[in-house]
């Protein structure tokens, strides 16, 4: 059966790019069912050994030495020269995908998969036979906003925030091609909602925590990079006021160590999970989240009204600088570089609860409400411009999504 075909280019440098690719695919199915076919390709790591080594190195230093990213980022920026007009490394694999799948739309959700990739798609499939679009998840512009994001020939360019869009326009994206389209999260994040009246019950019945204590969410990315043991002492010493939700990603050793640690601190209420599928729910029952500058986690925290303490222990990656700048300039958010910084913040909030409330109010001013289906419709419509197929759009709007009620 003929259908609209959309090729999504992503890579597992961190987890945010893949999360946005998955969210787009899930929304397409929710809204268009089998009329739209989405194919997600881990284009960097699947296309060449050189790219795969780069992805693995990125994830390794993210977990162990974030400061190294300053040099690695500068090296990656050279790809904008190598791919100025075509794809250099991984060309053969990408060509095979284009010829076999013949997409109507190539959607990039990764900075290194724009320049060259759009030009090659048009060369192979024909001008006027394919459209190209970029969804950039950065929060602001400046050092850390890769020049590889900017391909002026793109048909549509989506930014997460207005400040990020301003930077994209400054770097060469035409205003008529630019849109601001917010969070791009899985559909379940929009309808699995814990109502304020249910927060206490969720903490107690689902997580085994106290319903009344200030709850701190110590988060990590999917690869499990964390410094939880540097931060937990500040909470344990205030066990009569605080409790914690701790996740470990795919870091099995961190999970094992934390389980052992919890057994030896019976005075402290603590929920521990490895790789979590309910982060969106955990945020909704937390009072604050401590996290690095991962764009997906920070976007969820904004959406779910969970204030952020920016975790800069071990240094800040260039890409994280963009998120930190957005939080610092827009909400005067707190940043920690060691356990002592965290201890100071917790002490200030416990001594003066209004200090926490002021921080939370500032953070919430950064929020924006959105219809998550607008972005999906715009991309499908763009693909439809070069397809003879006209997909059937289901009557499916955010206000029709049933809210989550009760404890899972």
Protein backbone atom coordinates (compact mmCIF):
# COMPACT_ATOMS: atom_id res chain seq x y z
CA UNK A 1 0.00 0.00 0.00
CA UNK A 2 1.36 3.43 -0.92
CA UNK A 3 1.99 5.81 1.92
CA UNK A 4 3.99 8.85 2.86
CA UNK A 5 7.55 7.90 3.80
CA UNK A 6 9.59 9.92 6.29
CA UNK A 7 13.24 9.15 7.05
CA UNK A 8 14.43 10.36 10.46
CA UNK A 9 18.19 10.78 10.93
CA UNK A 10 19.46 10.47 14.49
CA UNK A 11 22.38 9.22 16.57
CA UNK A 12 22.84 8.01 20.13
CA UNK A 13 25.16 10.78 21.32
CA UNK A 14 23.36 11.12 24.62
CA UNK A 15 19.72 10.14 24.65
CA UNK A 16 17.89 13.29 23.55
CA UNK A 17 18.19 12.89 19.80
CA UNK A 18 16.82 9.35 19.87
CA UNK A 19 14.05 10.40 22.25
CA UNK A 20 12.86 13.07 19.82
CA UNK A 21 13.01 10.64 16.90
CA UNK A 22 10.90 8.13 18.84
CA UNK A 23 8.45 10.83 19.89
CA UNK A 24 7.96 11.94 16.29
CA UNK A 25 7.35 8.36 15.12
CA UNK A 26 4.87 7.67 17.92
CA UNK A 27 2.93 10.87 17.22
CA UNK A 28 2.76 10.04 13.51
CA UNK A 29 1.20 6.69 14.32
CA UNK A 30 -1.23 8.21 16.81
CA UNK A 31 -2.38 10.82 14.29
CA UNK A 32 -2.07 9.06 10.92
CA UNK A 33 -1.81 5.36 11.69
CA UNK A 34 -0.58 3.41 8.64
CA UNK A 35 -0.86 6.29 6.18
CA UNK A 36 2.55 7.59 7.29
CA UNK A 37 5.60 5.33 7.42
CA UNK A 38 8.46 6.55 9.64
CA UNK A 39 11.89 4.96 9.36
CA UNK A 40 14.43 5.92 12.05
CA UNK A 41 18.11 5.49 11.20
CA UNK A 42 21.04 5.71 13.64
CA UNK A 43 22.89 7.21 10.72
CA UNK A 44 26.24 8.02 12.32
CA UNK A 45 26.99 4.75 14.06
CA UNK A 46 25.46 2.51 11.38
CA UNK A 47 27.09 4.19 8.40
CA UNK A 48 30.83 3.99 9.16
CA UNK A 49 33.41 2.79 11.65
CA UNK A 50 34.82 6.33 11.95
CA UNK A 51 31.44 7.75 12.95
CA UNK A 52 30.76 4.86 15.32
CA UNK A 53 34.06 5.44 17.12
CA UNK A 54 33.16 9.12 17.46
CA UNK A 55 29.77 8.33 18.98
CA UNK A 56 31.28 5.88 21.47
CA UNK A 57 33.99 8.37 22.44
CA UNK A 58 31.36 11.07 22.96
CA UNK A 59 29.36 8.90 25.33
CA UNK A 60 32.47 7.74 27.19
CA UNK A 61 33.74 11.22 28.00
CA UNK A 62 30.22 12.41 28.80
CA UNK A 63 30.13 9.82 31.57
CA UNK A 64 33.67 10.26 32.88
CA UNK A 65 35.17 13.58 31.78
CA UNK A 66 32.69 16.21 30.53
CA UNK A 67 35.45 18.85 30.37
CA UNK A 68 37.08 16.95 27.46
CA UNK A 69 34.07 17.87 25.33
CA UNK A 70 35.39 21.38 24.85
CA UNK A 71 38.18 20.02 22.64
CA UNK A 72 36.04 17.27 21.11
CA UNK A 73 33.32 19.76 20.22
CA UNK A 74 35.82 21.92 18.34
CA UNK A 75 36.96 18.84 16.39
CA UNK A 76 33.39 17.86 15.49
CA UNK A 77 32.75 21.35 14.16
CA UNK A 78 35.17 20.54 11.34
CA UNK A 79 32.49 18.26 9.91
CA UNK A 80 30.75 21.39 8.65
CA UNK A 81 33.63 21.71 6.18
CA UNK A 82 33.81 18.04 5.24
CA UNK A 83 30.04 17.89 4.65
CA UNK A 84 29.61 21.32 3.11
CA UNK A 85 28.01 19.91 -0.05
CA UNK A 86 27.78 16.13 0.37
CA UNK A 87 28.30 13.32 2.86
CA UNK A 88 31.90 12.23 3.47
CA UNK A 89 32.05 9.42 6.04
CA UNK A 90 29.21 6.90 5.78
CA UNK A 91 28.16 8.00 2.29
CA UNK A 92 27.62 4.48 0.89
CA UNK A 93 25.25 3.42 3.68
CA UNK A 94 23.21 6.62 3.40
CA UNK A 95 22.98 6.27 -0.38
CA UNK A 96 21.64 2.72 -0.01
CA UNK A 97 18.99 3.88 2.46
CA UNK A 98 17.87 6.68 0.14
CA UNK A 99 17.66 4.44 -2.93
CA UNK A 100 15.87 1.63 -1.12
CA UNK A 101 13.43 3.68 0.99
CA UNK A 102 12.95 6.73 -1.27
CA UNK A 103 11.61 9.06 1.43
CA UNK A 104 9.35 12.02 0.74
CA UNK A 105 10.87 13.80 3.74
CA UNK A 106 14.29 13.60 5.39
CA UNK A 107 14.02 14.85 8.97
CA UNK A 108 17.21 15.42 10.95
CA UNK A 109 17.11 15.59 14.75
CA UNK A 110 20.91 15.61 15.13
CA UNK A 111 23.41 18.38 14.49
CA UNK A 112 25.82 16.21 12.46
CA UNK A 113 23.12 14.95 10.08
CA UNK A 114 22.07 18.09 8.20
CA UNK A 115 24.87 19.49 6.04
CA UNK A 116 25.57 17.28 3.06
CA UNK A 117 22.73 14.90 3.92
CA UNK A 118 20.05 17.16 2.46
CA UNK A 119 22.05 17.91 -0.69
CA UNK A 120 22.76 14.23 -1.31
CA UNK A 121 19.09 13.32 -0.80
CA UNK A 122 18.06 15.83 -3.46
CA UNK A 123 20.76 14.62 -5.84
CA UNK A 124 19.72 10.98 -5.51
CA UNK A 125 15.94 11.40 -5.41
CA UNK A 126 15.66 14.49 -7.60
CA UNK A 127 14.98 18.15 -6.92
CA UNK A 128 11.30 18.54 -6.16
CA UNK A 129 10.99 14.86 -5.16
CA UNK A 130 12.04 15.14 -1.52
CA UNK A 131 11.73 17.70 1.26
CA UNK A 132 14.22 18.24 4.10
CA UNK A 133 13.63 19.48 7.65
CA UNK A 134 15.56 19.96 10.89
CA UNK A 135 14.33 19.84 14.48
CA UNK A 136 16.97 21.43 16.72
CA UNK A 137 16.55 20.76 20.44
CA UNK A 138 18.93 23.42 21.76
CA UNK A 139 17.59 26.00 24.23
CA UNK A 140 19.71 29.00 23.21
CA UNK A 141 22.48 30.09 20.85
CA UNK A 142 26.19 30.80 21.13
CA UNK A 143 29.18 28.60 21.93
CA UNK A 144 27.85 25.04 21.94
CA UNK A 145 25.27 25.58 19.19
CA UNK A 146 26.92 23.56 16.47
CA UNK A 147 27.32 25.14 13.03
CA UNK A 148 26.39 21.68 11.72
CA UNK A 149 22.77 22.41 12.66
CA UNK A 150 22.60 25.17 10.08
CA UNK A 151 21.93 24.07 6.51
CA UNK A 152 20.40 27.09 4.72
CA UNK A 153 18.85 24.93 1.98
CA UNK A 154 16.56 23.24 4.51
CA UNK A 155 12.84 23.46 3.69
CA UNK A 156 11.71 23.90 7.31
CA UNK A 157 13.74 24.52 10.47
CA UNK A 158 12.20 23.95 13.90
CA UNK A 159 13.70 25.39 17.09
CA UNK A 160 12.80 24.59 20.67
CA UNK A 161 12.78 28.19 21.94
CA UNK A 162 12.54 31.69 20.51
CA UNK A 163 16.08 32.50 21.65
CA UNK A 164 17.43 29.44 19.82
CA UNK A 165 15.50 30.46 16.71
CA UNK A 166 16.98 33.94 16.84
CA UNK A 167 20.43 32.40 16.71
CA UNK A 168 19.49 30.11 13.81
CA UNK A 169 18.24 33.12 11.84
CA UNK A 170 21.47 34.96 12.59
CA UNK A 171 23.45 32.00 11.25
CA UNK A 172 21.63 31.75 7.95
CA UNK A 173 18.20 30.12 8.27
CA UNK A 174 15.60 32.07 6.28
CA UNK A 175 12.84 33.54 8.50
CA UNK A 176 10.05 32.06 6.37
CA UNK A 177 11.44 28.56 7.00
CA UNK A 178 11.76 28.93 10.77
CA UNK A 179 9.28 27.78 13.43
CA UNK A 180 9.36 27.50 17.24
CA UNK A 181 7.75 24.23 18.28
CA UNK A 182 8.66 23.45 21.86
CA UNK A 183 9.12 20.12 23.56
CA UNK A 184 8.54 17.15 21.17
CA UNK A 185 7.85 14.46 23.78
CA UNK A 186 6.12 11.11 23.54
CA UNK A 187 2.32 11.26 23.51
CA UNK A 188 2.15 9.51 26.89
CA UNK A 189 3.92 12.49 28.48
CA UNK A 190 0.91 14.62 27.58
CA UNK A 191 -1.78 12.36 28.97
CA UNK A 192 -0.17 10.49 31.88
CA UNK A 193 -0.67 13.33 34.29
CA UNK A 194 -0.52 13.09 38.08
CA UNK A 195 -3.01 15.59 39.44
CA UNK A 196 -1.79 17.67 42.42
CA UNK A 197 -4.29 15.90 44.66
CA UNK A 198 -2.70 12.55 43.72
CA UNK A 199 0.96 13.42 44.36
CA UNK A 200 0.98 12.30 48.00
CA UNK A 201 -0.70 8.99 47.22
CA UNK A 202 1.70 8.32 44.32
CA UNK A 203 4.72 8.94 46.54
CA UNK A 204 3.44 6.66 49.27
CA UNK A 205 1.76 3.83 47.35
CA UNK A 206 3.93 3.64 44.21
CA UNK A 207 7.33 4.71 45.47
CA UNK A 208 7.20 3.81 49.16
CA UNK A 209 8.10 7.35 50.19
CA UNK A 210 6.65 9.74 52.74
CA UNK A 211 3.78 11.77 51.26
CA UNK A 212 4.74 14.94 53.12
CA UNK A 213 8.52 15.34 52.72
CA UNK A 214 10.37 17.64 50.30
CA UNK A 215 11.28 15.32 47.42
CA UNK A 216 14.51 15.69 45.45
CA UNK A 217 14.90 13.85 42.13
CA UNK A 218 18.53 12.91 41.41
CA UNK A 219 18.47 12.17 37.69
CA UNK A 220 20.88 10.87 35.08
CA UNK A 221 20.89 10.28 31.35
CA UNK A 222 20.33 6.91 29.74
CA UNK A 223 24.03 6.00 29.89
CA UNK A 224 23.97 6.37 33.66
CA UNK A 225 26.62 9.05 34.18
CA UNK A 226 26.03 10.37 37.70
CA UNK A 227 27.53 11.75 40.89
CA UNK A 228 24.73 10.74 43.26
CA UNK A 229 27.11 9.83 46.08
CA UNK A 230 28.46 13.39 46.10
CA UNK A 231 24.96 14.77 46.63
CA UNK A 232 23.23 12.29 48.92
CA UNK A 233 25.06 13.39 52.13
CA UNK A 234 23.35 16.78 51.96
CA UNK A 235 19.98 15.02 51.97
CA UNK A 236 20.75 12.32 54.55
CA UNK A 237 21.72 14.93 57.14
CA UNK A 238 18.26 16.42 56.64
CA UNK A 239 16.33 13.15 56.59
CA UNK A 240 13.56 14.64 58.70
CA UNK A 241 12.89 17.23 55.97
CA UNK A 242 13.95 15.55 52.69
CA UNK A 243 13.71 12.36 50.72
CA UNK A 244 15.03 11.32 47.31
CA UNK A 245 14.08 9.68 44.04
CA UNK A 246 17.23 8.32 42.38
CA UNK A 247 17.58 6.80 38.92
CA UNK A 248 20.72 5.21 37.46
CA UNK A 249 20.08 4.84 33.73
CA UNK A 250 21.77 1.76 32.28
CA UNK A 251 24.55 1.91 34.85
CA UNK A 252 24.12 -1.42 36.65
CA UNK A 253 27.03 -0.82 39.01
CA UNK A 254 25.60 2.50 40.16
CA UNK A 255 22.26 0.81 40.84
CA UNK A 256 23.91 -2.01 42.82
CA UNK A 257 25.98 0.45 44.86
CA UNK A 258 22.96 2.60 45.65
CA UNK A 259 20.87 -0.37 46.77
CA UNK A 260 23.67 -1.32 49.15
CA UNK A 261 23.96 2.30 50.34
CA UNK A 262 20.22 2.51 51.02
CA UNK A 263 20.34 -0.63 53.14
CA UNK A 264 22.88 1.09 55.37
CA UNK A 265 20.88 4.31 55.73
CA UNK A 266 17.52 3.19 57.13
CA UNK A 267 16.86 6.68 58.48
CA UNK A 268 16.57 8.11 54.95
CA UNK A 269 13.59 7.65 52.63
CA UNK A 270 14.85 6.85 49.13
CA UNK A 271 13.33 5.35 45.98
CA UNK A 272 15.90 3.83 43.59
CA UNK A 273 15.38 2.71 40.02
CA UNK A 274 17.72 1.75 37.18
CA UNK A 275 16.65 2.77 33.69
CA UNK A 276 13.24 4.35 34.24
CA UNK A 277 10.30 4.39 31.84
CA UNK A 278 8.29 6.68 34.14
CA UNK A 279 10.57 9.70 34.40
CA UNK A 280 7.62 11.89 33.35
CA UNK A 281 5.69 10.64 36.40
CA UNK A 282 8.63 10.88 38.78
CA UNK A 283 9.11 14.53 37.83
CA UNK A 284 5.48 15.28 38.60
CA UNK A 285 5.81 14.05 42.18
CA UNK A 286 9.17 15.76 42.83
CA UNK A 287 9.80 19.24 44.21
CA UNK A 288 13.09 19.71 42.35
CA UNK A 289 15.27 17.76 39.92
CA UNK A 290 19.08 17.77 39.91
CA UNK A 291 20.20 17.13 36.35
CA UNK A 292 22.80 17.98 33.77
CA UNK A 293 21.91 20.00 30.69
CA UNK A 294 20.31 17.22 28.70
CA UNK A 295 17.75 19.00 26.55
CA UNK A 296 15.09 16.29 26.74
CA UNK A 297 15.20 16.06 30.55
CA UNK A 298 15.14 19.84 30.92
CA UNK A 299 12.24 20.16 28.47
CA UNK A 300 10.27 17.59 30.46
CA UNK A 301 11.07 19.37 33.70
CA UNK A 302 9.69 22.61 32.27
CA UNK A 303 6.60 20.87 30.96
CA UNK A 304 5.93 19.16 34.30
CA UNK A 305 6.73 22.23 36.42
CA UNK A 306 9.64 20.55 38.22
CA UNK A 307 12.35 23.18 38.96
CA UNK A 308 15.93 22.37 37.98
CA UNK A 309 19.19 22.54 39.89
CA UNK A 310 21.79 22.42 37.13
CA UNK A 311 24.39 19.73 37.79
CA UNK A 312 27.81 20.98 36.64
CA UNK A 313 29.92 18.57 38.68
CA UNK A 314 32.91 17.63 36.53
CA UNK A 315 32.44 20.53 34.15
CA UNK A 316 29.88 21.60 31.56
CA UNK A 317 29.83 20.30 27.98
CA UNK A 318 29.50 22.98 25.26
CA UNK A 319 25.99 21.79 24.38
CA UNK A 320 25.03 21.92 28.06
CA UNK A 321 26.22 25.52 28.21
CA UNK A 322 23.25 26.45 26.00
CA UNK A 323 20.76 24.95 28.45
CA UNK A 324 22.51 26.45 31.47
CA UNK A 325 22.53 29.90 29.84
CA UNK A 326 18.81 29.61 29.15
CA UNK A 327 18.03 28.63 32.76
CA UNK A 328 20.42 31.18 34.26
CA UNK A 329 19.28 34.14 32.17
CA UNK A 330 15.59 33.28 32.17
CA UNK A 331 15.06 31.96 35.68
CA UNK A 332 18.22 32.66 37.72
CA UNK A 333 18.41 28.90 38.32
CA UNK A 334 20.95 27.39 40.71
CA UNK A 335 24.07 25.55 39.57
CA UNK A 336 26.16 23.13 41.62
CA UNK A 337 29.78 22.16 40.97
CA UNK A 338 30.25 19.96 44.05
CA UNK A 339 28.46 18.51 47.05
CA UNK A 340 29.10 21.62 49.11
CA UNK A 341 27.14 23.75 46.64
CA UNK A 342 24.21 21.36 46.91
CA UNK A 343 24.40 21.35 50.70
CA UNK A 344 24.30 25.16 50.71
CA UNK A 345 21.19 25.26 48.50
CA UNK A 346 19.32 22.68 50.57
CA UNK A 347 20.22 24.50 53.76
CA UNK A 348 18.93 27.80 52.38
CA UNK A 349 15.62 26.30 51.26
CA UNK A 350 14.96 24.51 54.52
CA UNK A 351 15.76 27.61 56.57
CA UNK A 352 13.66 29.81 54.29
CA UNK A 353 10.96 27.92 52.33
CA UNK A 354 10.06 31.16 50.53
CA UNK A 355 13.48 31.07 48.86
CA UNK A 356 12.47 27.81 47.21
CA UNK A 357 9.11 29.27 46.21
CA UNK A 358 10.80 32.27 44.57
CA UNK A 359 13.09 29.95 42.62
CA UNK A 360 10.14 27.84 41.52
CA UNK A 361 8.14 30.89 40.41
CA UNK A 362 11.07 32.13 38.33
CA UNK A 363 11.44 28.73 36.71
CA UNK A 364 7.77 28.47 35.82
CA UNK A 365 7.95 31.75 33.90
CA UNK A 366 9.98 29.90 31.27
CA UNK A 367 7.13 27.48 30.56
CA UNK A 368 5.00 27.63 27.45
CA UNK A 369 1.84 25.75 26.61
CA UNK A 370 1.71 24.06 23.23
CA UNK A 371 -0.32 21.77 21.03
CA UNK A 372 2.17 18.96 20.33
CA UNK A 373 0.34 17.89 17.18
CA UNK A 374 1.07 21.12 15.28
CA UNK A 375 4.69 20.14 14.62
CA UNK A 376 3.69 16.66 13.45
CA UNK A 377 1.07 18.00 11.06
CA UNK A 378 3.50 20.53 9.60
CA UNK A 379 6.09 17.86 8.88
CA UNK A 380 3.60 15.42 7.39
CA UNK A 381 2.16 18.21 5.23
CA UNK A 382 5.68 19.03 4.05
CA UNK A 383 6.23 15.41 3.02
CA UNK A 384 2.82 15.36 1.30
CA UNK A 385 3.93 18.19 -1.00
CA UNK A 386 6.03 15.72 -3.01
CA UNK A 387 3.80 12.68 -2.62
CA UNK A 388 0.66 11.71 -4.45
CA UNK A 389 -0.68 10.30 -1.20
CA UNK A 390 -2.94 12.35 1.05
CA UNK A 391 -2.93 10.79 4.52
CA UNK A 392 -6.05 10.67 6.65
CA UNK A 393 -5.66 12.74 9.79
CA UNK A 394 -7.43 11.26 12.80
CA UNK A 395 -9.46 13.52 15.06
CA UNK A 396 -6.97 13.47 17.85
CA UNK A 397 -6.25 16.60 19.89
CA UNK A 398 -4.43 17.13 23.22
CA UNK A 399 -7.63 18.08 25.02
CA UNK A 400 -9.09 14.68 24.09
CA UNK A 401 -6.30 12.78 25.81
CA UNK A 402 -7.56 11.14 28.97
CA UNK A 403 -5.64 12.29 32.08
CA UNK A 404 -3.88 9.78 34.27
CA UNK A 405 -5.86 9.15 37.46
CA UNK A 406 -5.03 6.99 40.39
CA UNK A 407 -1.74 5.32 41.32
CA UNK A 408 -0.15 3.06 38.73
